[in-house]
Amino acid sequence: MTTVYGNFDLTDFWHNSDYALNKYVEAPLTDELLEEIQKDLGYTLPAAYVELMRHQNGGRPARTCLPTEDFIAWAEDHVAVTGIFGIGREKECSLGGRFGSRFWVDHWGYPPIGVYFADCPSAGHEMICLDYRACGPSGEPSVVHVYQEHDYKISPLAPNFETFIRALVSEEEYDEEDE
């Protein structure tokens, strides 16, 4: 059993499809690359993010939904995650890749509030971000959802990255066919 955060079992955390491996999963993280990416981004990544990436550097989680109490985007009660960006530059969906964090700010007009680390199944109209507005570039960021279709509405999701990861649930919990 592989764990992070002391007791969080990673055995079934990642869904390693060909798509995920080709678009998200970077080579194993090195200290040098971590330092370079943080310098490029202008932010210190949370220790919990780095710890997860040291076990697998990006990918598609098996549990892709985060319950929410308020309507945020296309669903009334949750946000869906397509993938979590690895720390690197080689994969399109990595923090320094072609569709990395800066791409969303520079090309799509997302607000420069932190590091966009996860995409949603809306083809760029929603992103998940580490929000550094309250803590500064070296602090512990919260996790927010940014919805481009509603004037880049920012909605809180979790007080920190570890809480965000622990709160992910299976999309089957929201499968309307079962109702």
N, C-alpha and C. Protein backbone atom coordinates (compact mmCIF):
# COMPACT_ATOMS: atom_id res chain seq x y z
N MET A 1 0.84 -1.18 0.00
CA MET A 1 0.00 0.00 0.00
C MET A 1 0.89 1.25 0.00
N THR A 2 0.61 2.15 -0.91
CA THR A 2 1.31 3.42 -0.97
C THR A 2 0.39 4.50 -0.39
N THR A 3 0.95 5.33 0.50
CA THR A 3 0.13 6.37 1.12
C THR A 3 0.78 7.74 0.99
N VAL A 4 -0.05 8.77 1.07
CA VAL A 4 0.39 10.15 1.21
C VAL A 4 -0.38 10.73 2.38
N TYR A 5 0.06 11.87 2.87
CA TYR A 5 -0.62 12.58 3.95
C TYR A 5 -0.77 11.72 5.20
N GLY A 6 0.13 10.77 5.39
CA GLY A 6 0.10 9.92 6.58
C GLY A 6 -0.75 8.68 6.44
N ASN A 7 -1.98 8.82 5.89
CA ASN A 7 -2.86 7.66 5.87
C ASN A 7 -3.78 7.59 4.64
N PHE A 8 -3.51 8.36 3.62
CA PHE A 8 -4.36 8.37 2.42
C PHE A 8 -3.83 7.33 1.44
N ASP A 9 -4.59 6.28 1.22
CA ASP A 9 -4.18 5.15 0.39
C ASP A 9 -4.28 5.51 -1.09
N LEU A 10 -3.18 5.42 -1.80
CA LEU A 10 -3.13 5.74 -3.24
C LEU A 10 -3.35 4.53 -4.14
N THR A 11 -3.60 3.37 -3.56
CA THR A 11 -3.70 2.14 -4.35
C THR A 11 -4.63 2.30 -5.55
N ASP A 12 -5.79 2.86 -5.35
CA ASP A 12 -6.77 3.03 -6.43
C ASP A 12 -7.03 4.49 -6.76
N PHE A 13 -6.11 5.37 -6.44
CA PHE A 13 -6.35 6.80 -6.65
C PHE A 13 -6.32 7.18 -8.13
N TRP A 14 -5.32 6.72 -8.89
CA TRP A 14 -5.16 7.11 -10.28
C TRP A 14 -5.85 6.13 -11.23
N HIS A 15 -6.39 6.67 -12.30
CA HIS A 15 -6.96 5.88 -13.40
C HIS A 15 -6.01 6.05 -14.59
N ASN A 16 -5.10 5.12 -14.77
CA ASN A 16 -4.04 5.27 -15.76
C ASN A 16 -4.44 4.76 -17.14
N SER A 17 -5.33 5.48 -17.78
CA SER A 17 -5.71 5.17 -19.15
C SER A 17 -4.62 5.66 -20.10
N ASP A 18 -4.70 5.23 -21.35
CA ASP A 18 -3.75 5.72 -22.36
C ASP A 18 -3.83 7.24 -22.47
N TYR A 19 -5.06 7.78 -22.44
CA TYR A 19 -5.25 9.23 -22.52
C TYR A 19 -4.52 9.93 -21.38
N ALA A 20 -4.71 9.47 -20.16
CA ALA A 20 -4.07 10.08 -19.00
C ALA A 20 -2.55 9.99 -19.11
N LEU A 21 -2.05 8.83 -19.49
CA LEU A 21 -0.60 8.66 -19.61
C LEU A 21 -0.01 9.57 -20.69
N ASN A 22 -0.73 9.77 -21.77
CA ASN A 22 -0.23 10.61 -22.87
C ASN A 22 -0.35 12.10 -22.61
N LYS A 23 -1.36 12.53 -21.89
CA LYS A 23 -1.63 13.95 -21.70
C LYS A 23 -1.19 14.53 -20.36
N TYR A 24 -1.16 13.71 -19.31
CA TYR A 24 -0.97 14.24 -17.95
C TYR A 24 0.25 13.72 -17.20
N VAL A 25 0.58 12.46 -17.35
CA VAL A 25 1.58 11.85 -16.47
C VAL A 25 2.99 12.18 -16.94
N GLU A 26 3.68 12.95 -16.11
CA GLU A 26 5.06 13.36 -16.36
C GLU A 26 6.03 12.32 -15.81
N ALA A 27 7.29 12.47 -16.19
CA ALA A 27 8.36 11.64 -15.62
C ALA A 27 8.43 11.89 -14.11
N PRO A 28 9.06 10.98 -13.36
CA PRO A 28 9.16 11.21 -11.92
C PRO A 28 9.75 12.59 -11.60
N LEU A 29 9.20 13.19 -10.58
CA LEU A 29 9.56 14.55 -10.17
C LEU A 29 10.95 14.58 -9.54
N THR A 30 11.75 15.55 -9.96
CA THR A 30 13.05 15.80 -9.34
C THR A 30 13.00 17.13 -8.60
N ASP A 31 13.88 17.30 -7.63
CA ASP A 31 13.95 18.55 -6.89
C ASP A 31 14.30 19.71 -7.82
N GLU A 32 15.18 19.47 -8.77
CA GLU A 32 15.59 20.51 -9.71
C GLU A 32 14.41 20.99 -10.55
N LEU A 33 13.63 20.05 -11.08
CA LEU A 33 12.47 20.42 -11.89
C LEU A 33 11.43 21.14 -11.05
N LEU A 34 11.20 20.68 -9.84
CA LEU A 34 10.25 21.35 -8.94
C LEU A 34 10.65 22.81 -8.75
N GLU A 35 11.92 23.05 -8.47
CA GLU A 35 12.42 24.41 -8.26
C GLU A 35 12.24 25.26 -9.53
N GLU A 36 12.53 24.70 -10.69
CA GLU A 36 12.39 25.43 -11.95
C GLU A 36 10.93 25.80 -12.23
N ILE A 37 10.03 24.85 -12.05
CA ILE A 37 8.60 25.10 -12.33
C ILE A 37 8.06 26.14 -11.35
N GLN A 38 8.40 26.02 -10.08
CA GLN A 38 7.94 27.01 -9.10
C GLN A 38 8.44 28.40 -9.45
N LYS A 39 9.69 28.50 -9.89
CA LYS A 39 10.24 29.79 -10.30
C LYS A 39 9.49 30.33 -11.51
N ASP A 40 9.23 29.47 -12.51
CA ASP A 40 8.49 29.89 -13.71
C ASP A 40 7.09 30.37 -13.36
N LEU A 41 6.43 29.68 -12.45
CA LEU A 41 5.06 30.02 -12.07
C LEU A 41 4.98 31.22 -11.13
N GLY A 42 6.05 31.41 -10.34
CA GLY A 42 6.06 32.50 -9.36
C GLY A 42 5.36 32.14 -8.06
N TYR A 43 5.15 30.85 -7.83
CA TYR A 43 4.46 30.38 -6.63
C TYR A 43 5.16 29.15 -6.08
N THR A 44 5.15 29.02 -4.75
CA THR A 44 5.60 27.80 -4.09
C THR A 44 4.42 26.85 -4.04
N LEU A 45 4.57 25.68 -4.62
CA LEU A 45 3.49 24.70 -4.63
C LEU A 45 3.29 24.13 -3.22
N PRO A 46 2.06 23.83 -2.85
CA PRO A 46 1.80 23.27 -1.53
C PRO A 46 2.52 21.93 -1.33
N ALA A 47 2.97 21.68 -0.13
CA ALA A 47 3.66 20.43 0.18
C ALA A 47 2.80 19.22 -0.15
N ALA A 48 1.49 19.32 0.06
CA ALA A 48 0.59 18.19 -0.24
C ALA A 48 0.55 17.90 -1.73
N TYR A 49 0.61 18.93 -2.57
CA TYR A 49 0.63 18.74 -4.02
C TYR A 49 1.92 18.04 -4.42
N VAL A 50 3.02 18.54 -3.91
CA VAL A 50 4.33 17.96 -4.22
C VAL A 50 4.39 16.50 -3.76
N GLU A 51 3.88 16.23 -2.57
CA GLU A 51 3.90 14.85 -2.05
C GLU A 51 3.13 13.91 -2.97
N LEU A 52 1.95 14.32 -3.43
CA LEU A 52 1.17 13.49 -4.34
C LEU A 52 1.93 13.28 -5.66
N MET A 53 2.54 14.34 -6.18
CA MET A 53 3.26 14.24 -7.45
C MET A 53 4.53 13.40 -7.35
N ARG A 54 5.07 13.26 -6.17
CA ARG A 54 6.25 12.39 -5.99
C ARG A 54 5.85 10.92 -6.12
N HIS A 55 4.59 10.59 -5.92
CA HIS A 55 4.12 9.21 -6.09
C HIS A 55 3.71 8.93 -7.53
N GLN A 56 3.05 9.87 -8.15
CA GLN A 56 2.77 9.83 -9.59
C GLN A 56 2.61 11.28 -10.02
N ASN A 57 3.39 11.66 -11.01
CA ASN A 57 3.49 13.06 -11.39
C ASN A 57 2.40 13.44 -12.40
N GLY A 58 1.17 13.56 -11.89
CA GLY A 58 0.03 13.96 -12.71
C GLY A 58 -0.78 12.76 -13.15
N GLY A 59 -1.98 13.05 -13.64
CA GLY A 59 -2.83 11.99 -14.15
C GLY A 59 -4.31 12.27 -13.95
N ARG A 60 -5.08 11.23 -14.23
CA ARG A 60 -6.53 11.32 -14.07
C ARG A 60 -6.89 10.53 -12.83
N PRO A 61 -7.51 11.20 -11.84
CA PRO A 61 -7.91 10.44 -10.66
C PRO A 61 -9.06 9.50 -10.97
N ALA A 62 -9.15 8.41 -10.24
CA ALA A 62 -10.27 7.48 -10.40
C ALA A 62 -11.55 8.10 -9.85
N ARG A 63 -11.42 8.86 -8.79
CA ARG A 63 -12.56 9.59 -8.22
C ARG A 63 -12.46 11.02 -8.75
N THR A 64 -13.40 11.39 -9.60
CA THR A 64 -13.28 12.66 -10.34
C THR A 64 -14.27 13.74 -9.93
N CYS A 65 -15.05 13.52 -8.90
CA CYS A 65 -16.07 14.50 -8.53
C CYS A 65 -15.84 15.04 -7.12
N LEU A 66 -16.10 16.33 -6.98
CA LEU A 66 -16.01 16.98 -5.68
C LEU A 66 -17.39 17.54 -5.33
N PRO A 67 -18.00 17.02 -4.26
CA PRO A 67 -19.31 17.54 -3.87
C PRO A 67 -19.24 19.03 -3.50
N THR A 68 -20.26 19.77 -3.89
CA THR A 68 -20.38 21.19 -3.52
C THR A 68 -21.80 21.44 -3.02
N GLU A 69 -21.94 22.46 -2.23
CA GLU A 69 -23.26 22.79 -1.70
C GLU A 69 -24.02 23.75 -2.60
N ASP A 70 -23.31 24.50 -3.41
CA ASP A 70 -23.93 25.51 -4.25
C ASP A 70 -23.71 25.19 -5.72
N PHE A 71 -24.61 25.68 -6.54
CA PHE A 71 -24.45 25.57 -7.99
C PHE A 71 -23.19 26.32 -8.38
N ILE A 72 -22.30 25.64 -9.07
CA ILE A 72 -21.05 26.27 -9.51
C ILE A 72 -20.99 26.32 -11.02
N ALA A 73 -21.31 25.25 -11.69
CA ALA A 73 -21.19 25.21 -13.15
C ALA A 73 -22.33 24.38 -13.71
N TRP A 74 -22.01 23.38 -14.50
CA TRP A 74 -23.01 22.58 -15.19
C TRP A 74 -23.77 21.64 -14.25
N ALA A 75 -23.21 21.33 -13.10
CA ALA A 75 -23.89 20.46 -12.14
C ALA A 75 -24.29 21.28 -10.92
N GLU A 76 -25.39 20.92 -10.32
CA GLU A 76 -25.87 21.66 -9.16
C GLU A 76 -25.19 21.28 -7.85
N ASP A 77 -24.58 20.09 -7.82
CA ASP A 77 -24.10 19.60 -6.54
C ASP A 77 -22.67 19.09 -6.53
N HIS A 78 -21.95 19.27 -7.64
CA HIS A 78 -20.56 18.82 -7.67
C HIS A 78 -19.78 19.47 -8.82
N VAL A 79 -18.48 19.35 -8.73
CA VAL A 79 -17.55 19.76 -9.78
C VAL A 79 -16.84 18.49 -10.24
N ALA A 80 -16.63 18.36 -11.53
CA ALA A 80 -15.92 17.20 -12.07
C ALA A 80 -14.51 17.61 -12.49
N VAL A 81 -13.57 16.71 -12.32
CA VAL A 81 -12.17 16.93 -12.67
C VAL A 81 -11.79 15.95 -13.77
N THR A 82 -11.17 16.44 -14.83
CA THR A 82 -10.68 15.56 -15.89
C THR A 82 -9.32 15.01 -15.51
N GLY A 83 -8.39 15.89 -15.11
CA GLY A 83 -7.05 15.46 -14.76
C GLY A 83 -6.36 16.45 -13.86
N ILE A 84 -5.33 15.98 -13.18
CA ILE A 84 -4.49 16.81 -12.31
C ILE A 84 -3.14 16.94 -12.98
N PHE A 85 -2.69 18.17 -13.16
CA PHE A 85 -1.46 18.44 -13.90
C PHE A 85 -0.23 18.02 -13.11
N GLY A 86 0.68 17.34 -13.80
CA GLY A 86 1.96 16.98 -13.21
C GLY A 86 2.88 18.20 -13.17
N ILE A 87 3.94 18.07 -12.41
CA ILE A 87 4.94 19.14 -12.32
C ILE A 87 6.00 18.85 -13.37
N GLY A 88 5.93 19.58 -14.46
CA GLY A 88 6.85 19.38 -15.57
C GLY A 88 6.47 20.22 -16.76
N ARG A 89 7.10 19.92 -17.89
CA ARG A 89 6.88 20.67 -19.14
C ARG A 89 6.60 19.78 -20.34
N GLU A 90 6.78 18.48 -20.20
CA GLU A 90 6.71 17.58 -21.35
C GLU A 90 5.29 17.26 -21.80
N LYS A 91 4.38 17.05 -20.88
CA LYS A 91 3.01 16.68 -21.24
C LYS A 91 2.19 17.95 -21.46
N GLU A 92 1.25 17.88 -22.40
CA GLU A 92 0.40 19.03 -22.68
C GLU A 92 -0.28 19.55 -21.43
N CYS A 93 -0.78 18.65 -20.63
CA CYS A 93 -1.51 19.01 -19.41
C CYS A 93 -0.62 18.80 -18.20
N SER A 94 0.43 19.60 -18.13
CA SER A 94 1.30 19.66 -16.97
C SER A 94 1.44 21.14 -16.62
N LEU A 95 1.91 21.44 -15.43
CA LEU A 95 1.95 22.83 -15.00
C LEU A 95 2.73 23.73 -15.97
N GLY A 96 3.78 23.21 -16.57
CA GLY A 96 4.57 24.00 -17.50
C GLY A 96 4.38 23.60 -18.95
N GLY A 97 3.38 22.77 -19.22
CA GLY A 97 3.13 22.26 -20.57
C GLY A 97 2.34 23.22 -21.44
N ARG A 98 2.07 22.77 -22.64
CA ARG A 98 1.34 23.57 -23.63
C ARG A 98 0.02 24.12 -23.09
N PHE A 99 -0.72 23.30 -22.35
CA PHE A 99 -1.98 23.73 -21.75
C PHE A 99 -1.84 23.84 -20.22
N GLY A 100 -0.67 24.28 -19.79
CA GLY A 100 -0.39 24.43 -18.37
C GLY A 100 -1.00 25.68 -17.77
N SER A 101 -0.64 25.96 -16.56
CA SER A 101 -1.25 27.03 -15.78
C SER A 101 -1.22 28.39 -16.49
N ARG A 102 -0.10 28.76 -17.03
CA ARG A 102 0.02 30.09 -17.66
C ARG A 102 -0.84 30.20 -18.93
N PHE A 103 -1.04 29.11 -19.63
CA PHE A 103 -1.87 29.11 -20.84
C PHE A 103 -3.27 29.66 -20.54
N TRP A 104 -3.84 29.23 -19.42
CA TRP A 104 -5.21 29.62 -19.09
C TRP A 104 -5.31 31.10 -18.77
N VAL A 105 -4.28 31.66 -18.20
CA VAL A 105 -4.26 33.10 -17.92
C VAL A 105 -3.95 33.88 -19.19
N ASP A 106 -2.90 33.49 -19.90
CA ASP A 106 -2.43 34.24 -21.07
C ASP A 106 -3.35 34.14 -22.28
N HIS A 107 -3.96 32.97 -22.51
CA HIS A 107 -4.73 32.76 -23.74
C HIS A 107 -6.24 32.71 -23.55
N TRP A 108 -6.70 32.38 -22.34
CA TRP A 108 -8.14 32.29 -22.12
C TRP A 108 -8.65 33.40 -21.20
N GLY A 109 -7.75 34.19 -20.65
CA GLY A 109 -8.17 35.30 -19.80
C GLY A 109 -8.57 34.95 -18.39
N TYR A 110 -8.19 33.76 -17.93
CA TYR A 110 -8.48 33.40 -16.54
C TYR A 110 -7.75 34.36 -15.60
N PRO A 111 -8.34 34.66 -14.44
CA PRO A 111 -7.70 35.62 -13.53
C PRO A 111 -6.39 35.09 -12.98
N PRO A 112 -5.37 35.94 -12.88
CA PRO A 112 -4.06 35.53 -12.37
C PRO A 112 -4.04 35.47 -10.84
N ILE A 113 -4.72 34.47 -10.29
CA ILE A 113 -4.85 34.35 -8.83
C ILE A 113 -3.99 33.24 -8.24
N GLY A 114 -3.31 32.47 -9.12
CA GLY A 114 -2.51 31.36 -8.61
C GLY A 114 -2.15 30.37 -9.69
N VAL A 115 -2.23 29.10 -9.36
CA VAL A 115 -1.79 28.03 -10.25
C VAL A 115 -3.00 27.17 -10.65
N TYR A 116 -3.28 27.15 -11.95
CA TYR A 116 -4.35 26.30 -12.49
C TYR A 116 -3.78 24.90 -12.64
N PHE A 117 -4.29 23.97 -11.82
CA PHE A 117 -3.67 22.64 -11.73
C PHE A 117 -4.55 21.49 -12.18
N ALA A 118 -5.82 21.76 -12.46
CA ALA A 118 -6.71 20.68 -12.88
C ALA A 118 -7.75 21.23 -13.85
N ASP A 119 -8.05 20.44 -14.85
CA ASP A 119 -9.08 20.85 -15.80
C ASP A 119 -10.36 20.07 -15.54
N CYS A 120 -11.42 20.52 -16.17
CA CYS A 120 -12.74 19.94 -16.02
C CYS A 120 -13.22 19.48 -17.39
N PRO A 121 -14.25 18.65 -17.44
CA PRO A 121 -14.70 18.13 -18.74
C PRO A 121 -15.53 19.13 -19.55
N SER A 122 -15.16 20.40 -19.51
CA SER A 122 -15.89 21.44 -20.22
C SER A 122 -15.05 22.10 -21.31
N ALA A 123 -13.97 21.45 -21.70
CA ALA A 123 -13.11 21.94 -22.78
C ALA A 123 -12.58 23.35 -22.54
N GLY A 124 -12.18 23.62 -21.31
CA GLY A 124 -11.55 24.89 -21.00
C GLY A 124 -12.46 25.93 -20.38
N HIS A 125 -13.72 25.65 -20.23
CA HIS A 125 -14.65 26.65 -19.69
C HIS A 125 -14.71 26.64 -18.16
N GLU A 126 -14.03 25.69 -17.55
CA GLU A 126 -13.91 25.61 -16.09
C GLU A 126 -12.51 25.10 -15.77
N MET A 127 -11.94 25.63 -14.72
CA MET A 127 -10.63 25.18 -14.26
C MET A 127 -10.62 25.15 -12.74
N ILE A 128 -9.72 24.32 -12.18
CA ILE A 128 -9.51 24.26 -10.75
C ILE A 128 -8.15 24.91 -10.48
N CYS A 129 -8.10 25.77 -9.47
CA CYS A 129 -6.92 26.60 -9.24
C CYS A 129 -6.50 26.59 -7.78
N LEU A 130 -5.19 26.63 -7.55
CA LEU A 130 -4.63 26.92 -6.23
C LEU A 130 -4.67 28.43 -6.10
N ASP A 131 -5.45 28.95 -5.17
CA ASP A 131 -5.70 30.38 -5.03
C ASP A 131 -4.80 30.98 -3.95
N TYR A 132 -3.87 31.82 -4.38
CA TYR A 132 -2.88 32.41 -3.47
C TYR A 132 -3.25 33.82 -3.04
N ARG A 133 -4.42 34.30 -3.35
CA ARG A 133 -4.78 35.69 -3.04
C ARG A 133 -4.69 36.00 -1.54
N ALA A 134 -5.11 35.11 -0.69
CA ALA A 134 -5.12 35.38 0.75
C ALA A 134 -3.79 35.08 1.44
N CYS A 135 -2.94 34.27 0.81
CA CYS A 135 -1.73 33.79 1.50
C CYS A 135 -0.42 34.28 0.89
N GLY A 136 -0.47 34.88 -0.29
CA GLY A 136 0.76 35.30 -0.96
C GLY A 136 1.40 34.13 -1.69
N PRO A 137 2.39 34.40 -2.53
CA PRO A 137 2.96 33.38 -3.41
C PRO A 137 3.71 32.24 -2.73
N SER A 138 4.02 32.37 -1.46
CA SER A 138 4.72 31.30 -0.74
C SER A 138 3.87 30.65 0.33
N GLY A 139 2.62 31.07 0.46
CA GLY A 139 1.76 30.55 1.51
C GLY A 139 1.03 29.28 1.10
N GLU A 140 0.06 28.90 1.94
CA GLU A 140 -0.75 27.70 1.71
C GLU A 140 -2.05 28.12 1.02
N PRO A 141 -2.16 27.84 -0.29
CA PRO A 141 -3.33 28.31 -1.03
C PRO A 141 -4.58 27.47 -0.77
N SER A 142 -5.71 28.10 -0.97
CA SER A 142 -6.97 27.36 -0.98
C SER A 142 -7.17 26.82 -2.39
N VAL A 143 -8.22 26.02 -2.58
CA VAL A 143 -8.55 25.47 -3.89
C VAL A 143 -9.89 26.06 -4.31
N VAL A 144 -9.93 26.60 -5.53
CA VAL A 144 -11.14 27.23 -6.04
C VAL A 144 -11.48 26.70 -7.43
N HIS A 145 -12.72 26.87 -7.81
CA HIS A 145 -13.22 26.56 -9.15
C HIS A 145 -13.43 27.90 -9.84
N VAL A 146 -12.97 28.02 -11.08
CA VAL A 146 -13.15 29.25 -11.85
C VAL A 146 -13.96 28.89 -13.09
N TYR A 147 -15.08 29.60 -13.27
CA TYR A 147 -16.03 29.30 -14.33
C TYR A 147 -16.03 30.42 -15.36
N GLN A 148 -15.41 30.18 -16.49
CA GLN A 148 -15.25 31.16 -17.55
C GLN A 148 -16.59 31.65 -18.10
N GLU A 149 -17.57 30.76 -18.19
CA GLU A 149 -18.88 31.10 -18.77
C GLU A 149 -19.67 32.09 -17.92
N HIS A 150 -19.29 32.28 -16.68
CA HIS A 150 -19.97 33.23 -15.79
C HIS A 150 -18.99 34.31 -15.34
N ASP A 151 -18.35 34.95 -16.32
CA ASP A 151 -17.41 36.05 -16.06
C ASP A 151 -16.31 35.64 -15.08
N TYR A 152 -15.81 34.42 -15.27
CA TYR A 152 -14.72 33.89 -14.45
C TYR A 152 -15.08 33.88 -12.96
N LYS A 153 -16.28 33.44 -12.67
CA LYS A 153 -16.75 33.33 -11.29
C LYS A 153 -15.82 32.39 -10.51
N ILE A 154 -15.39 32.85 -9.36
CA ILE A 154 -14.50 32.07 -8.49
C ILE A 154 -15.31 31.54 -7.32
N SER A 155 -15.31 30.22 -7.15
CA SER A 155 -16.05 29.58 -6.07
C SER A 155 -15.10 28.72 -5.24
N PRO A 156 -15.14 28.87 -3.92
CA PRO A 156 -14.26 28.06 -3.06
C PRO A 156 -14.65 26.58 -3.09
N LEU A 157 -13.64 25.72 -3.09
CA LEU A 157 -13.85 24.27 -3.05
C LEU A 157 -13.28 23.63 -1.80
N ALA A 158 -12.07 24.03 -1.41
CA ALA A 158 -11.41 23.41 -0.25
C ALA A 158 -10.41 24.40 0.35
N PRO A 159 -10.16 24.30 1.65
CA PRO A 159 -9.21 25.22 2.28
C PRO A 159 -7.76 24.96 1.88
N ASN A 160 -7.48 23.75 1.36
CA ASN A 160 -6.12 23.42 0.93
C ASN A 160 -6.16 22.22 -0.01
N PHE A 161 -5.02 21.90 -0.61
CA PHE A 161 -4.96 20.84 -1.60
C PHE A 161 -5.26 19.46 -1.02
N GLU A 162 -4.71 19.15 0.15
CA GLU A 162 -4.96 17.85 0.74
C GLU A 162 -6.45 17.62 0.98
N THR A 163 -7.13 18.62 1.49
CA THR A 163 -8.57 18.51 1.72
C THR A 163 -9.31 18.27 0.41
N PHE A 164 -8.89 18.95 -0.64
CA PHE A 164 -9.47 18.77 -1.97
C PHE A 164 -9.33 17.32 -2.42
N ILE A 165 -8.13 16.77 -2.33
CA ILE A 165 -7.86 15.39 -2.77
C ILE A 165 -8.68 14.39 -1.95
N ARG A 166 -8.71 14.57 -0.65
CA ARG A 166 -9.45 13.65 0.22
C ARG A 166 -10.96 13.69 -0.04
N ALA A 167 -11.46 14.82 -0.54
CA ALA A 167 -12.91 14.99 -0.75
C ALA A 167 -13.41 14.43 -2.08
N LEU A 168 -12.52 14.06 -3.00
CA LEU A 168 -12.96 13.54 -4.29
C LEU A 168 -13.73 12.23 -4.11
N VAL A 169 -14.82 12.11 -4.87
CA VAL A 169 -15.65 10.91 -4.83
C VAL A 169 -15.86 10.39 -6.25
N SER A 170 -16.37 9.19 -6.34
CA SER A 170 -16.63 8.57 -7.64
C SER A 170 -17.77 9.28 -8.36
N GLU A 171 -17.66 9.36 -9.68
CA GLU A 171 -18.75 9.96 -10.47
C GLU A 171 -20.02 9.12 -10.39
N GLU A 172 -19.88 7.86 -10.00
CA GLU A 172 -21.05 6.99 -9.85
C GLU A 172 -22.03 7.53 -8.79
N GLU A 173 -21.53 8.32 -7.85
CA GLU A 173 -22.42 8.92 -6.86
C GLU A 173 -23.39 9.92 -7.48
N TYR A 174 -23.07 10.37 -8.69
CA TYR A 174 -23.90 11.34 -9.37
C TYR A 174 -24.52 10.79 -10.66
N ASP A 175 -24.46 9.49 -10.79
CA ASP A 175 -24.99 8.84 -11.99
C ASP A 175 -26.52 8.91 -11.99
N GLU A 176 -27.06 9.71 -12.89
CA GLU A 176 -28.51 9.95 -12.94
C GLU A 176 -29.27 8.72 -13.45
N GLU A 177 -28.61 7.82 -14.13
CA GLU A 177 -29.28 6.62 -14.63
C GLU A 177 -29.80 5.73 -13.50
N ASP A 178 -29.18 5.85 -12.33
CA ASP A 178 -29.59 5.02 -11.20
C ASP A 178 -30.87 5.52 -10.53
N GLU A 179 -31.28 6.74 -10.83
CA GLU A 179 -32.45 7.32 -10.17
C GLU A 179 -33.73 6.86 -10.79
